[in-house]
Amino acid sequence: MSDQDQQMEATNRFISVANELKDSGVPVHVISWSMLTAGAVYSTFSVAGNTGGLNPSGVDKVVDSFRDCMNQVQEARKAELSGAGAELENEQS
C-alpha cells in the first residue's frame, strides 16, 4: 500500500473515532481541539521521540505543514460543494 493510501486510511480511521465521540455526546469543538492537540503531541514525537522537543524552527515547519494541509482541504471541500451545486458557507460562529 502506498504512503498516500496509508495516509487516507489512517485519516478515515481518525474521522471514524471522532464521529463515534460525537455520537456519544462529546461536543464537536472539543473533539476538534483534542485532535489538534493529539496532532501536536504526535508530530513532536515523530521528530524528537519520547525524550525531545521541537525548536522554534521545527514548530514553524509543523505549523506551515498544517496550514498547507488545511488550505488543501478547504480547496477540495469548496470544489466538492461547488460541483454538487451547494451554496458555499463560511465557518459557523
C-alpha atoms as a PDB file:
ATOM      1  CA  MET A   1       0.000   0.000   0.000  1.00  0.00           C
ATOM      2  CA  SER A   2       1.382   3.419  -0.919  1.00  0.00           C
ATOM      3  CA  ASP A   3       2.101   6.099   1.672  1.00  0.00           C
ATOM      4  CA  GLN A   4      -0.798   8.138   0.269  1.00  0.00           C
ATOM      5  CA  ASP A   5      -3.178   5.180   0.606  1.00  0.00           C
ATOM      6  CA  GLN A   6      -1.988   4.542   4.168  1.00  0.00           C
ATOM      7  CA  GLN A   7      -2.442   8.232   4.997  1.00  0.00           C
ATOM      8  CA  MET A   8      -6.007   8.229   3.654  1.00  0.00           C
ATOM      9  CA  GLU A   9      -6.839   5.044   5.564  1.00  0.00           C
ATOM     10  CA  ALA A  10      -5.414   6.478   8.803  1.00  0.00           C
ATOM     11  CA  THR A  11      -7.258   9.764   8.221  1.00  0.00           C
ATOM     12  CA  ASN A  12     -10.541   7.924   7.750  1.00  0.00           C
ATOM     13  CA  ARG A  13      -9.950   5.955  10.952  1.00  0.00           C
ATOM     14  CA  PHE A  14      -9.354   9.175  12.923  1.00  0.00           C
ATOM     15  CA  ILE A  15     -12.542  10.663  11.480  1.00  0.00           C
ATOM     16  CA  SER A  16     -14.434   7.492  12.401  1.00  0.00           C
ATOM     17  CA  VAL A  17     -13.241   7.764  16.019  1.00  0.00           C
ATOM     18  CA  ALA A  18     -14.169  11.463  16.040  1.00  0.00           C
ATOM     19  CA  ASN A  19     -17.668  10.610  14.807  1.00  0.00           C
ATOM     20  CA  GLU A  20     -18.018   7.930  17.491  1.00  0.00           C
ATOM     21  CA  LEU A  21     -17.091  10.527  20.129  1.00  0.00           C
ATOM     22  CA  LYS A  22     -19.594  12.995  18.637  1.00  0.00           C
ATOM     23  CA  ASP A  23     -22.307  10.342  18.617  1.00  0.00           C
ATOM     24  CA  SER A  24     -21.585   9.628  22.296  1.00  0.00           C
ATOM     25  CA  GLY A  25     -22.238  13.283  23.158  1.00  0.00           C
ATOM     26  CA  VAL A  26     -18.798  14.907  23.086  1.00  0.00           C
ATOM     27  CA  PRO A  27     -19.123  18.404  21.566  1.00  0.00           C
ATOM     28  CA  VAL A  28     -17.595  18.784  18.092  1.00  0.00           C
ATOM     29  CA  HIS A  29     -15.381  21.697  19.187  1.00  0.00           C
ATOM     30  CA  VAL A  30     -13.924  19.547  21.991  1.00  0.00           C
ATOM     31  CA  ILE A  31     -13.197  16.742  19.526  1.00  0.00           C
ATOM     32  CA  SER A  32     -11.605  19.147  17.056  1.00  0.00           C
ATOM     33  CA  TRP A  33      -9.276  20.670  19.650  1.00  0.00           C
ATOM     34  CA  SER A  34      -8.466  17.218  21.007  1.00  0.00           C
ATOM     35  CA  MET A  35      -7.461  16.032  17.539  1.00  0.00           C
ATOM     36  CA  LEU A  36      -5.376  19.167  17.048  1.00  0.00           C
ATOM     37  CA  THR A  37      -3.650  18.602  20.392  1.00  0.00           C
ATOM     38  CA  ALA A  38      -3.046  14.944  19.572  1.00  0.00           C
ATOM     39  CA  GLY A  39      -1.551  16.018  16.243  1.00  0.00           C
ATOM     40  CA  ALA A  40       0.808  18.420  18.001  1.00  0.00           C
ATOM     41  CA  VAL A  41       1.878  15.763  20.505  1.00  0.00           C
ATOM     42  CA  TYR A  42       2.385  13.107  17.845  1.00  0.00           C
ATOM     43  CA  SER A  43       4.165  15.481  15.449  1.00  0.00           C
ATOM     44  CA  THR A  44       6.620  16.276  18.227  1.00  0.00           C
ATOM     45  CA  PHE A  45       7.120  12.559  18.898  1.00  0.00           C
ATOM     46  CA  SER A  46       7.592  11.781  15.194  1.00  0.00           C
ATOM     47  CA  VAL A  47      10.505  14.240  15.020  1.00  0.00           C
ATOM     48  CA  ALA A  48      12.013  14.152  18.504  1.00  0.00           C
ATOM     49  CA  GLY A  49      10.940  10.841  20.004  1.00  0.00           C
ATOM     50  CA  ASN A  50       9.960  10.492  23.648  1.00  0.00           C
ATOM     51  CA  THR A  51      12.900  12.441  25.045  1.00  0.00           C
ATOM     52  CA  GLY A  52      12.994  15.621  22.962  1.00  0.00           C
ATOM     53  CA  GLY A  53      11.033  18.541  21.658  1.00  0.00           C
ATOM     54  CA  LEU A  54      10.965  20.919  18.720  1.00  0.00           C
ATOM     55  CA  ASN A  55      12.993  24.077  18.373  1.00  0.00           C
ATOM     56  CA  PRO A  56      11.049  27.163  17.245  1.00  0.00           C
ATOM     57  CA  SER A  57      12.092  26.450  13.641  1.00  0.00           C
ATOM     58  CA  GLY A  58      10.683  22.924  13.961  1.00  0.00           C
ATOM     59  CA  VAL A  59       7.411  24.287  15.330  1.00  0.00           C
ATOM     60  CA  ASP A  60       7.272  26.680  12.368  1.00  0.00           C
ATOM     61  CA  LYS A  61       7.739  23.781   9.931  1.00  0.00           C
ATOM     62  CA  VAL A  62       4.912  21.796  11.531  1.00  0.00           C
ATOM     63  CA  VAL A  63       2.628  24.860  11.595  1.00  0.00           C
ATOM     64  CA  ASP A  64       3.414  25.589   7.934  1.00  0.00           C
ATOM     65  CA  SER A  65       2.659  21.958   7.032  1.00  0.00           C
ATOM     66  CA  PHE A  66      -0.660  22.149   8.900  1.00  0.00           C
ATOM     67  CA  ARG A  67      -1.522  25.417   7.140  1.00  0.00           C
ATOM     68  CA  ASP A  68      -0.752  23.845   3.743  1.00  0.00           C
ATOM     69  CA  CYS A  69      -2.878  20.801   4.599  1.00  0.00           C
ATOM     70  CA  MET A  70      -5.725  22.986   5.852  1.00  0.00           C
ATOM     71  CA  ASN A  71      -5.660  25.028   2.627  1.00  0.00           C
ATOM     72  CA  GLN A  72      -5.709  21.837   0.523  1.00  0.00           C
ATOM     73  CA  VAL A  73      -8.685  20.507   2.476  1.00  0.00           C
ATOM     74  CA  GLN A  74     -10.571  23.799   2.084  1.00  0.00           C
ATOM     75  CA  GLU A  75      -9.963  23.918  -1.669  1.00  0.00           C
ATOM     76  CA  ALA A  76     -11.082  20.285  -2.054  1.00  0.00           C
ATOM     77  CA  ARG A  77     -14.162  20.936   0.088  1.00  0.00           C
ATOM     78  CA  LYS A  78     -15.107  24.028  -1.929  1.00  0.00           C
ATOM     79  CA  ALA A  79     -14.687  22.116  -5.192  1.00  0.00           C
ATOM     80  CA  GLU A  80     -16.779  19.221  -3.858  1.00  0.00           C
ATOM     81  CA  LEU A  81     -19.597  21.506  -2.705  1.00  0.00           C
ATOM     82  CA  SER A  82     -19.484  23.642  -5.829  1.00  0.00           C
ATOM     83  CA  GLY A  83     -19.582  20.541  -8.032  1.00  0.00           C
ATOM     84  CA  ALA A  84     -22.672  19.378  -6.164  1.00  0.00           C
ATOM     85  CA  GLY A  85     -24.336  22.751  -6.707  1.00  0.00           C
ATOM     86  CA  ALA A  86     -24.348  23.570  -2.996  1.00  0.00           C
ATOM     87  CA  GLU A  87     -24.158  27.109  -1.721  1.00  0.00           C
ATOM     88  CA  LEU A  88     -20.821  27.721  -0.010  1.00  0.00           C
ATOM     89  CA  GLU A  89     -20.986  28.936   3.575  1.00  0.00           C
ATOM     90  CA  ASN A  90     -18.255  30.296   5.833  1.00  0.00           C
ATOM     91  CA  GLU A  91     -17.427  28.930   9.267  1.00  0.00           C
ATOM     92  CA  GLN A  92     -20.118  28.785  11.911  1.00  0.00           C
ATOM     93  CA  SER A  93     -19.912  31.001  14.961  1.00  0.00           C
END
